[in-house]
Amino acid sequence: MYGAASEKMRIRLQGDWTLNGVSCQLPHLVEHLTNSQIDGMQAGCETRVHHEVSLAGIELLDVCGCQLLTIFVHNLKKRGATPLLIDVPDAMGEKIALWGFGRELGTFQESV
């Protein structure tokens, strides 16, 4: 018998999310995506994992970093996760919207 379950996972992003720093973020994102794929698979159970993605630790962000963040969120969705950006500083949220990534990244919760 198949059932539906829901789990919550928190991902804390940090560091430099500019053109100079995004290459350092890739290994961490791959690790998160690998873990989310495992979390979403349980024998006989369709699991929906809600990912709270905290942006509080991001020190620098530019358009390149927003592109990488968008790709990361898109890949979480492809793996059956429900990502929600949390702890988004107001200035960062404004930049995300100004650069046109607001629709792709969805709504924010708990802005700081």
C-alpha atoms as a PDB file:
ATOM      1  CA  MET A   1       0.000   0.000   0.000  1.00  0.00           C
ATOM      2  CA  TYR A   2       1.303   3.408  -0.956  1.00  0.00           C
ATOM      3  CA  GLY A   3       1.032   6.359   1.373  1.00  0.00           C
ATOM      4  CA  ALA A   4       2.087   9.967   1.266  1.00  0.00           C
ATOM      5  CA  ALA A   5       4.439  11.398   3.832  1.00  0.00           C
ATOM      6  CA  SER A   6       5.980  14.792   4.385  1.00  0.00           C
ATOM      7  CA  GLU A   7       9.366  15.606   5.846  1.00  0.00           C
ATOM      8  CA  LYS A   8      11.214  18.874   6.434  1.00  0.00           C
ATOM      9  CA  MET A   9      14.864  19.525   5.677  1.00  0.00           C
ATOM     10  CA  ARG A  10      16.774  22.779   6.243  1.00  0.00           C
ATOM     11  CA  ILE A  11      19.568  23.832   3.907  1.00  0.00           C
ATOM     12  CA  ARG A  12      21.790  26.719   4.979  1.00  0.00           C
ATOM     13  CA  LEU A  13      23.538  28.491   2.133  1.00  0.00           C
ATOM     14  CA  GLN A  14      26.469  30.735   2.927  1.00  0.00           C
ATOM     15  CA  GLY A  15      29.469  32.566   1.567  1.00  0.00           C
ATOM     16  CA  ASP A  16      30.179  34.343  -1.685  1.00  0.00           C
ATOM     17  CA  TRP A  17      27.460  33.966  -4.330  1.00  0.00           C
ATOM     18  CA  THR A  18      29.036  36.272  -6.904  1.00  0.00           C
ATOM     19  CA  LEU A  19      30.830  35.493 -10.149  1.00  0.00           C
ATOM     20  CA  ASN A  20      34.023  35.050  -8.114  1.00  0.00           C
ATOM     21  CA  GLY A  21      32.524  32.643  -5.578  1.00  0.00           C
ATOM     22  CA  VAL A  22      29.904  30.461  -7.255  1.00  0.00           C
ATOM     23  CA  SER A  23      32.389  27.785  -8.296  1.00  0.00           C
ATOM     24  CA  CYS A  24      33.105  27.184  -4.594  1.00  0.00           C
ATOM     25  CA  GLN A  25      29.377  26.668  -3.980  1.00  0.00           C
ATOM     26  CA  LEU A  26      28.944  23.871  -6.531  1.00  0.00           C
ATOM     27  CA  PRO A  27      30.257  20.955  -4.399  1.00  0.00           C
ATOM     28  CA  HIS A  28      27.932  21.950  -1.523  1.00  0.00           C
ATOM     29  CA  LEU A  29      24.925  22.189  -3.825  1.00  0.00           C
ATOM     30  CA  VAL A  30      25.662  18.812  -5.394  1.00  0.00           C
ATOM     31  CA  GLU A  31      25.826  17.313  -1.904  1.00  0.00           C
ATOM     32  CA  HIS A  32      22.455  18.859  -0.980  1.00  0.00           C
ATOM     33  CA  LEU A  33      20.884  17.595  -4.201  1.00  0.00           C
ATOM     34  CA  THR A  34      22.266  14.110  -3.639  1.00  0.00           C
ATOM     35  CA  ASN A  35      20.903  14.062  -0.087  1.00  0.00           C
ATOM     36  CA  SER A  36      17.499  15.354  -1.191  1.00  0.00           C
ATOM     37  CA  GLN A  37      17.254  12.569  -3.757  1.00  0.00           C
ATOM     38  CA  ILE A  38      17.913   9.948  -1.071  1.00  0.00           C
ATOM     39  CA  ASP A  39      15.469  11.611   1.364  1.00  0.00           C
ATOM     40  CA  GLY A  40      12.739  11.495  -1.253  1.00  0.00           C
ATOM     41  CA  MET A  41      12.977   7.736  -1.775  1.00  0.00           C
ATOM     42  CA  GLN A  42      11.415   5.378   0.702  1.00  0.00           C
ATOM     43  CA  ALA A  43      10.231   1.887  -0.115  1.00  0.00           C
ATOM     44  CA  GLY A  44       6.469   1.780  -0.544  1.00  0.00           C
ATOM     45  CA  CYS A  45       5.978   5.403   0.394  1.00  0.00           C
ATOM     46  CA  GLU A  46       5.758   8.518  -1.726  1.00  0.00           C
ATOM     47  CA  THR A  47       7.595  11.122   0.332  1.00  0.00           C
ATOM     48  CA  ARG A  48       7.364  14.859  -0.208  1.00  0.00           C
ATOM     49  CA  VAL A  49      10.339  16.632   1.354  1.00  0.00           C
ATOM     50  CA  HIS A  50       9.902  20.311   2.192  1.00  0.00           C
ATOM     51  CA  HIS A  51      13.240  22.078   1.936  1.00  0.00           C
ATOM     52  CA  GLU A  52      13.689  25.316   3.831  1.00  0.00           C
ATOM     53  CA  VAL A  53      16.577  27.044   2.093  1.00  0.00           C
ATOM     54  CA  SER A  54      18.086  29.659   4.416  1.00  0.00           C
ATOM     55  CA  LEU A  55      19.845  32.559   2.693  1.00  0.00           C
ATOM     56  CA  ALA A  56      20.959  34.259   5.929  1.00  0.00           C
ATOM     57  CA  GLY A  57      24.575  33.098   5.519  1.00  0.00           C
ATOM     58  CA  ILE A  58      25.026  34.477   1.998  1.00  0.00           C
ATOM     59  CA  GLU A  59      27.501  37.343   2.292  1.00  0.00           C
ATOM     60  CA  LEU A  60      27.601  38.527  -1.328  1.00  0.00           C
ATOM     61  CA  LEU A  61      25.091  37.975  -4.144  1.00  0.00           C
ATOM     62  CA  ASP A  62      25.046  39.039  -7.767  1.00  0.00           C
ATOM     63  CA  VAL A  63      23.140  37.975 -10.897  1.00  0.00           C
ATOM     64  CA  CYS A  64      25.455  34.990 -11.402  1.00  0.00           C
ATOM     65  CA  GLY A  65      24.670  33.781  -7.871  1.00  0.00           C
ATOM     66  CA  CYS A  66      20.937  34.242  -8.505  1.00  0.00           C
ATOM     67  CA  GLN A  67      21.231  32.100 -11.613  1.00  0.00           C
ATOM     68  CA  LEU A  68      22.935  29.336  -9.632  1.00  0.00           C
ATOM     69  CA  LEU A  69      20.348  29.611  -6.851  1.00  0.00           C
ATOM     70  CA  THR A  70      17.556  29.351  -9.433  1.00  0.00           C
ATOM     71  CA  ILE A  71      19.114  26.230 -10.962  1.00  0.00           C
ATOM     72  CA  PHE A  72      19.497  24.717  -7.486  1.00  0.00           C
ATOM     73  CA  VAL A  73      15.840  25.395  -6.598  1.00  0.00           C
ATOM     74  CA  HIS A  74      14.711  24.031  -9.971  1.00  0.00           C
ATOM     75  CA  ASN A  75      16.681  20.813  -9.387  1.00  0.00           C
ATOM     76  CA  LEU A  76      15.193  20.395  -5.912  1.00  0.00           C
ATOM     77  CA  LYS A  77      11.739  20.624  -7.506  1.00  0.00           C
ATOM     78  CA  LYS A  78      12.703  18.045 -10.148  1.00  0.00           C
ATOM     79  CA  ARG A  79      13.568  15.642  -7.315  1.00  0.00           C
ATOM     80  CA  GLY A  80      10.115  16.048  -5.805  1.00  0.00           C
ATOM     81  CA  ALA A  81      11.069  18.549  -3.119  1.00  0.00           C
ATOM     82  CA  THR A  82       9.138  21.659  -2.188  1.00  0.00           C
ATOM     83  CA  PRO A  83      11.759  24.400  -1.657  1.00  0.00           C
ATOM     84  CA  LEU A  84      10.981  27.547   0.315  1.00  0.00           C
ATOM     85  CA  LEU A  85      13.498  30.366   0.708  1.00  0.00           C
ATOM     86  CA  ILE A  86      13.698  31.572   4.294  1.00  0.00           C
ATOM     87  CA  ASP A  87      15.805  34.053   6.265  1.00  0.00           C
ATOM     88  CA  VAL A  88      16.054  36.311   3.215  1.00  0.00           C
ATOM     89  CA  PRO A  89      17.440  39.749   4.112  1.00  0.00           C
ATOM     90  CA  ASP A  90      15.177  42.489   2.748  1.00  0.00           C
ATOM     91  CA  ALA A  91      17.941  43.966   0.567  1.00  0.00           C
ATOM     92  CA  MET A  92      18.641  40.533  -0.937  1.00  0.00           C
ATOM     93  CA  GLY A  93      14.954  39.946  -1.649  1.00  0.00           C
ATOM     94  CA  GLU A  94      14.790  43.299  -3.403  1.00  0.00           C
ATOM     95  CA  LYS A  95      17.815  42.409  -5.562  1.00  0.00           C
ATOM     96  CA  ILE A  96      16.327  39.025  -6.453  1.00  0.00           C
ATOM     97  CA  ALA A  97      13.107  40.717  -7.560  1.00  0.00           C
ATOM     98  CA  LEU A  98      14.910  43.552  -9.379  1.00  0.00           C
ATOM     99  CA  TRP A  99      17.048  41.099 -11.357  1.00  0.00           C
ATOM    100  CA  GLY A 100      13.949  39.163 -12.441  1.00  0.00           C
ATOM    101  CA  PHE A 101      14.399  35.997 -10.375  1.00  0.00           C
ATOM    102  CA  GLY A 102      11.407  36.496  -8.065  1.00  0.00           C
ATOM    103  CA  ARG A 103       9.055  34.308 -10.080  1.00  0.00           C
ATOM    104  CA  GLU A 104      11.538  31.451 -10.448  1.00  0.00           C
ATOM    105  CA  LEU A 105      12.545  31.462  -6.807  1.00  0.00           C
ATOM    106  CA  GLY A 106       9.004  31.726  -5.486  1.00  0.00           C
ATOM    107  CA  THR A 107       7.899  33.550  -2.413  1.00  0.00           C
ATOM    108  CA  PHE A 108      10.021  34.189   0.616  1.00  0.00           C
ATOM    109  CA  GLN A 109       9.172  33.453   4.216  1.00  0.00           C
ATOM    110  CA  GLU A 110      10.632  34.852   7.404  1.00  0.00           C
ATOM    111  CA  SER A 111      12.666  37.671   5.875  1.00  0.00           C
ATOM    112  CA  VAL A 112      15.318  39.047   8.198  1.00  0.00           C
END
